[in-house]
Amino acid sequence: MIVLDQSTKFLVTRFFELYERVEVLPVLDFTLLHNTGAAFSLLAGASGWQRWFFIALACVVSVLLVAWIWRTPRGTSCCRSRCR
């Protein structure tokens, strides 16, 4: 999936002009846009701090998830432990 994602990004940025739209199917178009913000251009007008904020947030969440998984006893799942 990563190779497919990066390949299509490369091809589109190489062969499309900004805002160029190509109809693939009646319900699917490809358009080259540049999103400088987070999801749906959230914080797009910010000065760049949002990148580091989301990187830090992702690192904290990743560490918490790894710690949670590490502390979970082997052979148990969250669903089984709550049902009993």
N, C-alpha and C. Protein backbone atom coordinates (compact mmCIF):
# COMPACT_ATOMS: atom_id res chain seq x y z
N MET A 1 0.82 -1.18 0.00
CA MET A 1 0.00 0.00 0.00
C MET A 1 0.87 1.26 0.00
N ILE A 2 1.96 1.21 0.74
CA ILE A 2 2.83 2.38 0.80
C ILE A 2 3.47 2.65 -0.55
N VAL A 3 3.90 1.59 -1.22
CA VAL A 3 4.51 1.74 -2.54
C VAL A 3 3.49 2.29 -3.53
N LEU A 4 2.26 1.78 -3.50
CA LEU A 4 1.21 2.28 -4.39
C LEU A 4 0.91 3.75 -4.10
N ASP A 5 0.81 4.11 -2.82
CA ASP A 5 0.54 5.49 -2.43
C ASP A 5 1.64 6.43 -2.92
N GLN A 6 2.89 6.07 -2.66
CA GLN A 6 4.00 6.94 -3.05
C GLN A 6 4.16 6.99 -4.57
N SER A 7 3.87 5.89 -5.25
CA SER A 7 3.97 5.86 -6.71
C SER A 7 2.94 6.79 -7.35
N THR A 8 1.71 6.73 -6.87
CA THR A 8 0.68 7.60 -7.44
C THR A 8 0.96 9.06 -7.12
N LYS A 9 1.48 9.35 -5.93
CA LYS A 9 1.85 10.74 -5.60
C LYS A 9 2.94 11.24 -6.53
N PHE A 10 3.93 10.40 -6.78
CA PHE A 10 5.01 10.79 -7.68
C PHE A 10 4.48 11.07 -9.08
N LEU A 11 3.66 10.16 -9.61
CA LEU A 11 3.14 10.33 -10.96
C LEU A 11 2.27 11.57 -11.09
N VAL A 12 1.42 11.79 -10.11
CA VAL A 12 0.51 12.94 -10.18
C VAL A 12 1.30 14.24 -10.09
N THR A 13 2.26 14.34 -9.17
CA THR A 13 3.02 15.58 -9.07
C THR A 13 3.92 15.80 -10.28
N ARG A 14 4.27 14.74 -10.95
CA ARG A 14 5.13 14.87 -12.13
C ARG A 14 4.36 15.29 -13.38
N PHE A 15 3.13 14.77 -13.53
CA PHE A 15 2.41 14.97 -14.78
C PHE A 15 1.19 15.87 -14.69
N PHE A 16 0.77 16.28 -13.51
CA PHE A 16 -0.40 17.14 -13.36
C PHE A 16 0.03 18.57 -13.06
N GLU A 17 -0.75 19.50 -13.53
CA GLU A 17 -0.60 20.90 -13.12
C GLU A 17 -1.45 21.12 -11.88
N LEU A 18 -1.11 22.14 -11.10
CA LEU A 18 -1.87 22.44 -9.90
C LEU A 18 -3.33 22.69 -10.25
N TYR A 19 -4.24 22.06 -9.55
CA TYR A 19 -5.70 22.12 -9.72
C TYR A 19 -6.20 21.43 -10.99
N GLU A 20 -5.34 20.74 -11.70
CA GLU A 20 -5.79 20.00 -12.88
C GLU A 20 -6.65 18.82 -12.43
N ARG A 21 -7.74 18.60 -13.13
CA ARG A 21 -8.68 17.54 -12.77
C ARG A 21 -8.84 16.58 -13.94
N VAL A 22 -8.76 15.29 -13.65
CA VAL A 22 -8.93 14.25 -14.66
C VAL A 22 -10.01 13.31 -14.17
N GLU A 23 -11.04 13.12 -14.98
CA GLU A 23 -12.12 12.21 -14.62
C GLU A 23 -11.70 10.78 -14.92
N VAL A 24 -11.71 9.94 -13.90
CA VAL A 24 -11.35 8.53 -14.04
C VAL A 24 -12.61 7.71 -14.27
N LEU A 25 -13.61 7.95 -13.44
CA LEU A 25 -14.93 7.33 -13.56
C LEU A 25 -15.96 8.43 -13.37
N PRO A 26 -17.21 8.19 -13.72
CA PRO A 26 -18.21 9.24 -13.51
C PRO A 26 -18.31 9.71 -12.05
N VAL A 27 -17.87 8.88 -11.11
CA VAL A 27 -17.94 9.26 -9.70
C VAL A 27 -16.55 9.45 -9.08
N LEU A 28 -15.47 9.47 -9.88
CA LEU A 28 -14.12 9.57 -9.35
C LEU A 28 -13.28 10.47 -10.24
N ASP A 29 -12.72 11.52 -9.64
CA ASP A 29 -11.81 12.43 -10.33
C ASP A 29 -10.48 12.47 -9.59
N PHE A 30 -9.40 12.67 -10.32
CA PHE A 30 -8.10 12.95 -9.73
C PHE A 30 -7.84 14.44 -9.89
N THR A 31 -7.44 15.10 -8.81
CA THR A 31 -7.12 16.52 -8.84
C THR A 31 -5.86 16.75 -8.02
N LEU A 32 -4.94 17.55 -8.55
CA LEU A 32 -3.72 17.86 -7.82
C LEU A 32 -3.97 19.08 -6.94
N LEU A 33 -3.91 18.87 -5.63
CA LEU A 33 -4.03 19.94 -4.65
C LEU A 33 -2.90 19.79 -3.64
N HIS A 34 -2.54 20.86 -3.00
CA HIS A 34 -1.52 20.80 -1.95
C HIS A 34 -2.16 21.24 -0.64
N ASN A 35 -2.27 20.31 0.30
CA ASN A 35 -2.85 20.58 1.60
C ASN A 35 -1.71 20.87 2.56
N THR A 36 -1.58 22.11 2.99
CA THR A 36 -0.48 22.49 3.88
C THR A 36 -0.86 22.34 5.34
N GLY A 37 -2.10 22.01 5.63
CA GLY A 37 -2.54 21.85 7.00
C GLY A 37 -2.69 20.39 7.35
N ALA A 38 -3.41 20.14 8.42
CA ALA A 38 -3.71 18.78 8.82
C ALA A 38 -4.95 18.33 8.04
N ALA A 39 -5.71 17.42 8.59
CA ALA A 39 -6.89 16.91 7.90
C ALA A 39 -7.84 18.05 7.52
N PHE A 40 -8.24 18.06 6.28
CA PHE A 40 -9.18 19.06 5.74
C PHE A 40 -8.64 20.47 5.91
N SER A 41 -7.33 20.65 5.79
CA SER A 41 -6.64 21.94 5.88
C SER A 41 -6.77 22.59 7.26
N LEU A 42 -7.01 21.79 8.28
CA LEU A 42 -7.02 22.29 9.64
C LEU A 42 -5.66 22.89 9.96
N LEU A 43 -5.62 24.10 10.45
CA LEU A 43 -4.41 24.83 10.80
C LEU A 43 -3.53 25.14 9.60
N ALA A 44 -4.10 25.23 8.42
CA ALA A 44 -3.32 25.51 7.22
C ALA A 44 -2.69 26.89 7.27
N GLY A 45 -3.31 27.82 7.98
CA GLY A 45 -2.77 29.17 8.05
C GLY A 45 -1.75 29.36 9.16
N ALA A 46 -1.45 28.32 9.91
CA ALA A 46 -0.48 28.42 11.00
C ALA A 46 0.93 28.53 10.44
N SER A 47 1.85 28.94 11.28
CA SER A 47 3.20 29.25 10.82
C SER A 47 4.13 28.04 10.70
N GLY A 48 3.66 26.87 10.97
CA GLY A 48 4.49 25.67 10.86
C GLY A 48 4.60 24.88 12.14
N TRP A 49 4.16 25.45 13.24
CA TRP A 49 4.23 24.74 14.52
C TRP A 49 3.36 23.51 14.54
N GLN A 50 2.29 23.48 13.71
CA GLN A 50 1.35 22.36 13.74
C GLN A 50 2.02 21.05 13.35
N ARG A 51 3.00 21.09 12.50
CA ARG A 51 3.71 19.87 12.10
C ARG A 51 4.35 19.23 13.33
N TRP A 52 5.08 20.03 14.11
CA TRP A 52 5.78 19.51 15.28
C TRP A 52 4.80 19.11 16.38
N PHE A 53 3.68 19.81 16.48
CA PHE A 53 2.65 19.43 17.45
C PHE A 53 2.11 18.04 17.13
N PHE A 54 1.77 17.79 15.86
CA PHE A 54 1.21 16.49 15.49
C PHE A 54 2.26 15.38 15.54
N ILE A 55 3.52 15.70 15.27
CA ILE A 55 4.59 14.70 15.42
C ILE A 55 4.73 14.32 16.89
N ALA A 56 4.74 15.32 17.77
CA ALA A 56 4.85 15.06 19.21
C ALA A 56 3.64 14.27 19.71
N LEU A 57 2.45 14.64 19.25
CA LEU A 57 1.24 13.93 19.65
C LEU A 57 1.30 12.47 19.20
N ALA A 58 1.73 12.22 17.98
CA ALA A 58 1.84 10.85 17.47
C ALA A 58 2.86 10.05 18.27
N CYS A 59 3.97 10.68 18.66
CA CYS A 59 4.99 9.99 19.47
C CYS A 59 4.46 9.63 20.84
N VAL A 60 3.75 10.56 21.47
CA VAL A 60 3.18 10.29 22.80
C VAL A 60 2.16 9.15 22.71
N VAL A 61 1.28 9.20 21.74
CA VAL A 61 0.28 8.15 21.59
C VAL A 61 0.95 6.81 21.30
N SER A 62 1.98 6.81 20.49
CA SER A 62 2.70 5.57 20.18
C SER A 62 3.35 4.97 21.42
N VAL A 63 3.98 5.81 22.23
CA VAL A 63 4.61 5.33 23.47
C VAL A 63 3.55 4.77 24.41
N LEU A 64 2.43 5.45 24.55
CA LEU A 64 1.36 4.97 25.41
C LEU A 64 0.80 3.63 24.93
N LEU A 65 0.63 3.48 23.63
CA LEU A 65 0.13 2.22 23.08
C LEU A 65 1.12 1.07 23.31
N VAL A 66 2.40 1.34 23.09
CA VAL A 66 3.42 0.30 23.31
C VAL A 66 3.45 -0.09 24.78
N ALA A 67 3.38 0.88 25.69
CA ALA A 67 3.37 0.58 27.12
C ALA A 67 2.14 -0.24 27.49
N TRP A 68 1.00 0.12 26.94
CA TRP A 68 -0.24 -0.62 27.22
C TRP A 68 -0.13 -2.06 26.73
N ILE A 69 0.36 -2.24 25.52
CA ILE A 69 0.52 -3.58 24.96
C ILE A 69 1.54 -4.37 25.79
N TRP A 70 2.62 -3.73 26.21
CA TRP A 70 3.66 -4.39 26.98
C TRP A 70 3.12 -4.89 28.32
N ARG A 71 2.23 -4.12 28.92
CA ARG A 71 1.70 -4.47 30.24
C ARG A 71 0.55 -5.48 30.17
N THR A 72 -0.03 -5.68 29.00
CA THR A 72 -1.13 -6.63 28.87
C THR A 72 -0.59 -8.05 28.93
N PRO A 73 -1.12 -8.88 29.83
CA PRO A 73 -0.64 -10.27 29.93
C PRO A 73 -0.87 -11.03 28.63
N ARG A 74 0.04 -11.92 28.33
CA ARG A 74 -0.08 -12.73 27.11
C ARG A 74 -1.31 -13.62 27.19
N GLY A 75 -1.95 -13.81 26.04
CA GLY A 75 -3.10 -14.70 25.97
C GLY A 75 -4.41 -14.04 26.37
N THR A 76 -4.36 -12.77 26.70
CA THR A 76 -5.61 -12.06 27.03
C THR A 76 -5.88 -11.01 25.99
N SER A 77 -7.12 -10.68 25.86
CA SER A 77 -7.48 -9.58 24.98
C SER A 77 -8.37 -8.64 25.77
N CYS A 78 -8.49 -7.42 25.28
CA CYS A 78 -9.29 -6.43 26.01
C CYS A 78 -10.76 -6.85 26.05
N CYS A 79 -11.22 -7.54 25.05
CA CYS A 79 -12.64 -7.94 25.03
C CYS A 79 -12.93 -9.03 26.05
N ARG A 80 -12.04 -10.01 26.14
CA ARG A 80 -12.26 -11.12 27.09
C ARG A 80 -12.17 -10.63 28.53
N SER A 81 -11.25 -9.75 28.81
CA SER A 81 -11.07 -9.30 30.20
C SER A 81 -12.24 -8.45 30.66
N ARG A 82 -12.89 -7.74 29.80
CA ARG A 82 -14.05 -6.92 30.17
C ARG A 82 -15.33 -7.72 30.30
N CYS A 83 -15.42 -8.81 29.57
CA CYS A 83 -16.64 -9.61 29.58
C CYS A 83 -16.76 -10.46 30.83
N ARG A 84 -15.66 -10.78 31.45
CA ARG A 84 -15.69 -11.68 32.63
C ARG A 84 -15.97 -10.95 33.89
